[in-house]
Each structure stands twice: as structure tokens, then as C-alpha cells.
Amino acid sequence: MFNLAISNEDKQWLQDTFPSLKIQKGSDGTIEVVGVLSFSMAFLGEEKPYIINPVADFSEGIQIQDEYKIRIELKKSNFSDLPQVYETGFRLSNIAQSRNLKTEDLHINYNGAMCLCIKPEEAGYLPSGFNLRDFFQNLVIPFFYAQSYFEKNNSWLWGQYSHGSIGLIEWYLRNQNQSTEVIKEFFDGLRRDKIFWPMFQRLLRSKDAIKGHAECICGNKKKFRDCHPEIFRGIWKLKRDVILLKIKI
């Protein structure tokens, strides 16, 4: 859980770094950061650092300079303990519409807020707790950089988890820490998804094996093991760990 209060140091940093973004109170009293986010970022490759606001003669990596109209609400949601970030210029929704995509394909939650990262990884992006500098540099700017790259190239520049609960299962498959605490926190995230949770719950409670030739849970009417193989393996792993650790579903 993060303390989402904005400190005086945060205010000064925002004023110095992004003067077009202003702090105000929303209609419900929530503190907001509103305005135009203008950024420049260079991506140097997987497993390498990226550079925000590179010097003028910097020529390495894939550089993007762009801007978005945004609103950041300093409150958590059912999806995240982070502030809620909204793109208010309709640019992303127009991209989705023009390419016949769902907004969730661009990592946008159904409430319109950006899905900056999956919930289990939030603390890793903010190891010193919430502050505006780390929030922007570690999450907000890379997110919009990736969106700008996708808009131009129709592909993602680095590996992406799928959106929503599917992404959580992908994360669980790759995670090596299967402690009871980790699994219980993971389940808290799954339970927030009112659409997929009943299906996950049914699969995990069933005494029958999860069959790869069964219809995939995404609804595409393809075989589970062929349509979403990582999800198929992730649920197998989850079911095994639930039994081993005697966790109630």
C-alpha cells in the first residue's frame, strides 16, 4: 500500500520538470495532476537502461519525443494501488478504434485508467515508496513511450504482459516465489475480476485435470493449449500450488 500524498519536494520537482502539468483538486476533492505531458525518451534495448530527456546530440537507441494530455488522480482503484492515470485527448481510444482493437489491447482498464503495470510488480517499480519523480520516470513516461511506438509501428517495443487477469496468470507462471503470502495476494487480484474469477475458481476447484484440448477461457473457441499456452501452464502451476499449500479457493 502506498501513501499517495504529494510532498513539497514532489511539487517542486513537477514544477521544474513538467511546468505544463498543474496540481489541483478534482470535483470530488481528490488531488489531481492535470495538463500536457511532454517527454523525450531513448530506449537502448532489452535488459539495458532507458534514458529520459537525453541530451540534444545523443544518438543511441530508439528515441521518441511526444506529448499527451493527461489527468492523474491521486487515489487507488480496484486494479491498482497506484494513482490513476487517464489520457484525456482521446488519442489512444482513436488508435484503438482505427485499428479495430479493444482499448484493453492498449492496456487501458474499463474505467479508462491506464494499466501501467500489473499489481504484483508495483512495489518493484517504486522501491522507495510513492513519489512523483519515480512514478513518472519508472512508469508513466515508459508507458506513453510504448504507446507512441505502437502507434507508429503497430507493435510493442518490449515484452508485455497481457491485460487484466490473463496478465496476472502470465506473471504467476514466471514468478519463482510460490509462498502462501504471494499466492494469497495474487488471488486478491484475481477476485477483483468479476468476469474471469468464476472461471478460474471453477477450474481450480475441479477434481478433474485441466485439459489442453478444452475451449480456451478467452472465448476464442480455440484449444486452450494452442490459444493461450502460458495461461494453460500458469493455471496448471497454480492448481498444483493451491493443493500443496492447502489454500482455500
Protein backbone atom coordinates (compact mmCIF):
# COMPACT_ATOMS: atom_id res chain seq x y z
CA MET A 1 0.00 0.00 0.00
CA PHE A 2 1.37 3.41 -0.99
CA ASN A 3 0.96 6.80 0.67
CA LEU A 4 -0.21 8.86 -2.31
CA ALA A 5 0.24 12.27 -0.69
CA ILE A 6 2.25 14.81 -2.71
CA SER A 7 5.19 16.28 -0.77
CA ASN A 8 6.67 19.76 -1.19
CA GLU A 9 9.62 18.10 -2.91
CA ASP A 10 7.18 16.47 -5.36
CA LYS A 11 5.59 19.83 -6.10
CA GLN A 12 8.92 21.49 -6.79
CA TRP A 13 10.10 18.63 -8.99
CA LEU A 14 6.89 18.72 -11.04
CA GLN A 15 7.11 22.49 -11.49
CA ASP A 16 10.75 22.31 -12.58
CA THR A 17 10.42 19.24 -14.84
CA PHE A 18 6.90 19.47 -16.27
CA PRO A 19 5.69 23.09 -15.97
CA SER A 20 2.69 22.29 -18.20
CA LEU A 21 1.33 19.93 -15.54
CA LYS A 22 -0.56 21.53 -12.64
CA ILE A 23 -1.78 20.22 -9.30
CA GLN A 24 -5.44 20.87 -8.50
CA LYS A 25 -8.44 19.45 -6.67
CA GLY A 26 -10.96 17.42 -8.64
CA SER A 27 -14.72 17.74 -8.32
CA ASP A 28 -14.76 15.08 -5.60
CA GLY A 29 -11.87 16.64 -3.68
CA THR A 30 -9.24 14.22 -4.99
CA ILE A 31 -5.85 15.77 -5.69
CA GLU A 32 -5.09 15.66 -9.42
CA VAL A 33 -2.18 16.39 -11.74
CA VAL A 34 -3.57 17.78 -15.00
CA GLY A 35 -2.15 19.12 -18.25
CA VAL A 36 0.16 18.18 -21.10
CA LEU A 37 2.90 15.62 -20.52
CA SER A 38 5.80 16.41 -22.88
CA PHE A 39 8.65 13.92 -22.81
CA SER A 40 11.67 12.62 -24.66
CA MET A 41 12.99 9.10 -24.12
CA ALA A 42 15.57 6.79 -25.69
CA PHE A 43 15.24 3.02 -25.40
CA LEU A 44 18.59 1.22 -25.67
CA GLY A 45 17.35 -2.38 -25.74
CA GLU A 46 16.10 -5.19 -23.52
CA GLU A 47 17.94 -5.52 -20.20
CA LYS A 48 19.53 -2.10 -20.79
CA PRO A 49 18.68 1.24 -19.17
CA TYR A 50 16.49 3.77 -20.97
CA ILE A 51 17.25 7.48 -20.91
CA ILE A 52 14.65 10.15 -20.24
CA ASN A 53 15.32 13.59 -21.71
CA PRO A 54 18.62 12.64 -23.45
CA VAL A 55 20.97 15.48 -24.38
CA ALA A 56 20.50 17.06 -27.79
CA ASP A 57 23.36 15.24 -29.52
CA PHE A 58 22.51 11.80 -28.08
CA SER A 59 22.15 9.38 -30.99
CA GLU A 60 21.80 5.90 -29.47
CA GLY A 61 18.74 3.69 -29.19
CA ILE A 62 15.21 4.37 -30.39
CA GLN A 63 14.29 7.92 -29.48
CA ILE A 64 10.76 9.29 -29.24
CA GLN A 65 9.64 12.79 -28.37
CA ASP A 66 5.93 13.20 -27.86
CA GLU A 67 3.19 14.68 -25.71
CA TYR A 68 -0.16 13.59 -24.28
CA LYS A 69 -2.97 15.32 -22.47
CA ILE A 70 -3.33 13.55 -19.14
CA ARG A 71 -5.06 13.61 -15.79
CA ILE A 72 -3.65 11.78 -12.78
CA GLU A 73 -5.91 11.14 -9.81
CA LEU A 74 -4.05 10.57 -6.56
CA LYS A 75 -6.18 7.63 -5.48
CA LYS A 76 -6.05 3.87 -5.91
CA SER A 77 -8.59 1.65 -7.65
CA ASN A 78 -9.72 -1.98 -7.68
CA PHE A 79 -6.96 -2.65 -10.21
CA SER A 80 -4.06 -0.83 -8.61
CA ASP A 81 -2.65 0.83 -5.50
CA LEU A 82 -1.04 3.44 -7.77
CA PRO A 83 -2.53 6.80 -8.82
CA GLN A 84 -4.97 6.52 -11.70
CA VAL A 85 -3.62 7.95 -14.98
CA TYR A 86 -6.02 8.97 -17.77
CA GLU A 87 -5.21 10.08 -21.32
CA THR A 88 -7.72 12.88 -21.90
CA GLY A 89 -7.04 13.82 -25.53
CA PHE A 90 -8.82 10.69 -26.92
CA ARG A 91 -5.66 9.78 -28.81
CA LEU A 92 -5.42 6.22 -27.53
CA SER A 93 -9.11 5.48 -27.94
CA ASN A 94 -8.89 6.79 -31.53
CA ILE A 95 -5.92 4.48 -32.19
CA ALA A 96 -7.89 1.52 -30.87
CA GLN A 97 -10.96 2.42 -32.95
CA SER A 98 -9.00 2.99 -36.17
CA ARG A 99 -7.32 -0.43 -35.86
CA ASN A 100 -10.38 -2.32 -34.69
CA LEU A 101 -8.81 -3.01 -31.30
CA LYS A 102 -10.32 -3.04 -27.86
CA THR A 103 -8.99 -0.33 -25.55
CA GLU A 104 -7.78 -3.11 -23.26
CA ASP A 105 -5.42 -4.13 -26.09
CA LEU A 106 -3.67 -0.82 -25.40
CA HIS A 107 -3.54 -1.61 -21.66
CA ILE A 108 -6.45 0.59 -20.64
CA ASN A 109 -8.76 -0.58 -17.85
CA TYR A 110 -12.53 -0.49 -18.29
CA ASN A 111 -12.69 2.65 -16.09
CA GLY A 112 -10.46 4.45 -18.62
CA ALA A 113 -7.32 4.48 -16.48
CA MET A 114 -4.01 3.30 -17.90
CA CYS A 115 -2.72 -0.10 -16.75
CA LEU A 116 0.87 0.98 -16.06
CA CYS A 117 1.98 -2.42 -14.78
CA ILE A 118 0.47 -5.49 -13.19
CA LYS A 119 -0.31 -5.07 -9.50
CA PRO A 120 2.20 -7.62 -8.10
CA GLU A 121 5.06 -5.61 -9.66
CA GLU A 122 4.03 -2.15 -8.44
CA ALA A 123 6.26 -2.14 -5.37
CA GLY A 124 9.24 -3.14 -7.51
CA TYR A 125 8.83 -0.01 -9.63
CA LEU A 126 8.62 2.20 -6.52
CA PRO A 127 11.09 0.64 -4.03
CA SER A 128 11.34 3.90 -2.08
CA GLY A 129 7.58 4.31 -1.86
CA PHE A 130 5.43 6.65 -3.89
CA ASN A 131 6.92 9.91 -5.12
CA LEU A 132 6.26 11.80 -8.34
CA ARG A 133 9.79 11.56 -9.74
CA ASP A 134 9.94 7.74 -9.59
CA PHE A 135 6.29 7.39 -10.61
CA PHE A 136 6.85 9.41 -13.79
CA GLN A 137 10.29 8.06 -14.67
CA ASN A 138 9.66 4.40 -13.88
CA LEU A 139 6.05 4.05 -15.02
CA VAL A 140 4.25 6.99 -16.64
CA ILE A 141 6.81 8.06 -19.26
CA PRO A 142 7.77 4.49 -20.32
CA PHE A 143 4.05 3.67 -20.66
CA PHE A 144 3.36 6.58 -23.02
CA TYR A 145 6.65 5.99 -24.85
CA ALA A 146 5.45 2.44 -25.57
CA GLN A 147 2.09 3.78 -26.77
CA SER A 148 3.81 6.21 -29.17
CA TYR A 149 5.95 3.40 -30.55
CA PHE A 150 2.89 1.19 -31.00
CA GLU A 151 1.02 3.98 -32.79
CA LYS A 152 3.85 4.28 -35.33
CA ASN A 153 4.90 0.64 -35.71
CA ASN A 154 1.81 -1.37 -34.72
CA SER A 155 3.93 -3.48 -32.36
CA TRP A 156 5.27 -3.28 -28.81
CA LEU A 157 8.94 -2.49 -28.34
CA TRP A 158 9.44 -4.69 -25.27
CA GLY A 159 7.72 -7.69 -23.74
CA GLN A 160 4.22 -7.02 -22.47
CA TYR A 161 2.01 -8.96 -20.11
CA SER A 162 -1.50 -9.42 -21.41
CA HIS A 163 -4.13 -7.13 -19.97
CA GLY A 164 -6.07 -7.89 -16.80
CA SER A 165 -6.30 -11.33 -15.20
CA ILE A 166 -4.65 -13.02 -18.18
CA GLY A 167 -1.54 -10.93 -17.47
CA LEU A 168 -1.66 -11.91 -13.80
CA ILE A 169 -1.59 -15.59 -14.75
CA GLU A 170 1.36 -14.94 -17.08
CA TRP A 171 3.16 -13.22 -14.20
CA TYR A 172 2.43 -16.13 -11.86
CA LEU A 173 3.84 -18.65 -14.33
CA ARG A 174 7.16 -16.77 -14.44
CA ASN A 175 7.32 -15.98 -10.73
CA GLN A 176 9.62 -18.24 -8.73
CA ASN A 177 8.31 -17.29 -5.27
CA GLN A 178 5.33 -19.52 -4.55
CA SER A 179 4.93 -18.68 -0.86
CA THR A 180 1.49 -18.75 0.73
CA GLU A 181 1.63 -14.96 1.14
CA VAL A 182 2.39 -14.40 -2.55
CA ILE A 183 -0.41 -16.74 -3.66
CA LYS A 184 -2.99 -15.16 -1.35
CA GLU A 185 -2.11 -11.67 -2.59
CA PHE A 186 -2.27 -12.98 -6.14
CA PHE A 187 -5.76 -14.37 -5.52
CA ASP A 188 -6.90 -11.00 -4.17
CA GLY A 189 -6.09 -9.56 -7.60
CA LEU A 190 -7.91 -12.33 -9.45
CA ARG A 191 -11.04 -11.98 -7.30
CA ARG A 192 -11.40 -8.35 -8.42
CA ASP A 193 -12.10 -9.57 -11.96
CA LYS A 194 -15.81 -10.38 -11.82
CA ILE A 195 -15.78 -11.89 -15.32
CA PHE A 196 -12.78 -14.23 -15.19
CA TRP A 197 -12.70 -15.11 -11.49
CA PRO A 198 -15.67 -17.53 -11.61
CA MET A 199 -13.96 -19.44 -14.45
CA PHE A 200 -10.63 -19.56 -12.61
CA GLN A 201 -12.38 -20.64 -9.44
CA ARG A 202 -14.24 -23.44 -11.25
CA LEU A 203 -11.03 -24.75 -12.85
CA LEU A 204 -9.10 -24.68 -9.58
CA ARG A 205 -11.87 -26.34 -7.55
CA SER A 206 -12.50 -29.09 -10.08
CA LYS A 207 -11.14 -32.54 -9.25
CA ASP A 208 -10.59 -33.12 -12.96
CA ALA A 209 -7.36 -32.22 -14.73
CA ILE A 210 -7.29 -29.02 -16.79
CA LYS A 211 -7.49 -30.26 -20.36
CA GLY A 212 -5.44 -28.62 -23.08
CA HIS A 213 -7.92 -29.56 -25.80
CA ALA A 214 -10.77 -27.79 -23.99
CA GLU A 215 -12.01 -24.41 -25.25
CA CYS A 216 -9.79 -21.54 -24.16
CA ILE A 217 -11.12 -19.34 -21.37
CA CYS A 218 -10.69 -16.22 -23.55
CA GLY A 219 -13.72 -17.23 -25.63
CA ASN A 220 -11.95 -17.57 -28.98
CA LYS A 221 -13.22 -21.17 -29.33
CA LYS A 222 -9.68 -22.45 -29.89
CA LYS A 223 -7.94 -25.19 -27.93
CA PHE A 224 -6.72 -23.86 -24.59
CA ARG A 225 -3.14 -25.14 -25.05
CA ASP A 226 -2.90 -23.56 -28.52
CA CYS A 227 -4.70 -20.26 -27.91
CA HIS A 228 -3.11 -19.20 -24.59
CA PRO A 229 -0.41 -21.76 -23.78
CA GLU A 230 1.13 -19.64 -21.00
CA ILE A 231 -2.26 -19.32 -19.30
CA PHE A 232 -2.81 -23.04 -19.63
CA ARG A 233 0.56 -23.76 -17.97
CA GLY A 234 0.01 -20.98 -15.41
CA ILE A 235 -3.29 -22.42 -14.20
CA TRP A 236 -1.74 -25.88 -14.01
CA LYS A 237 1.02 -24.45 -11.81
CA LEU A 238 -1.48 -22.50 -9.72
CA LYS A 239 -3.67 -25.56 -9.15
CA ARG A 240 -0.63 -27.56 -8.07
CA ASP A 241 0.49 -24.87 -5.61
CA VAL A 242 -3.01 -24.46 -4.18
CA ILE A 243 -3.05 -28.19 -3.35
CA LEU A 244 0.49 -28.22 -1.94
CA LEU A 245 -0.08 -25.17 0.27
CA LYS A 246 -3.68 -26.14 1.16
CA ILE A 247 -5.12 -22.78 0.17
CA LYS A 248 -8.91 -22.48 0.18
CA ILE A 249 -10.47 -21.22 -3.06
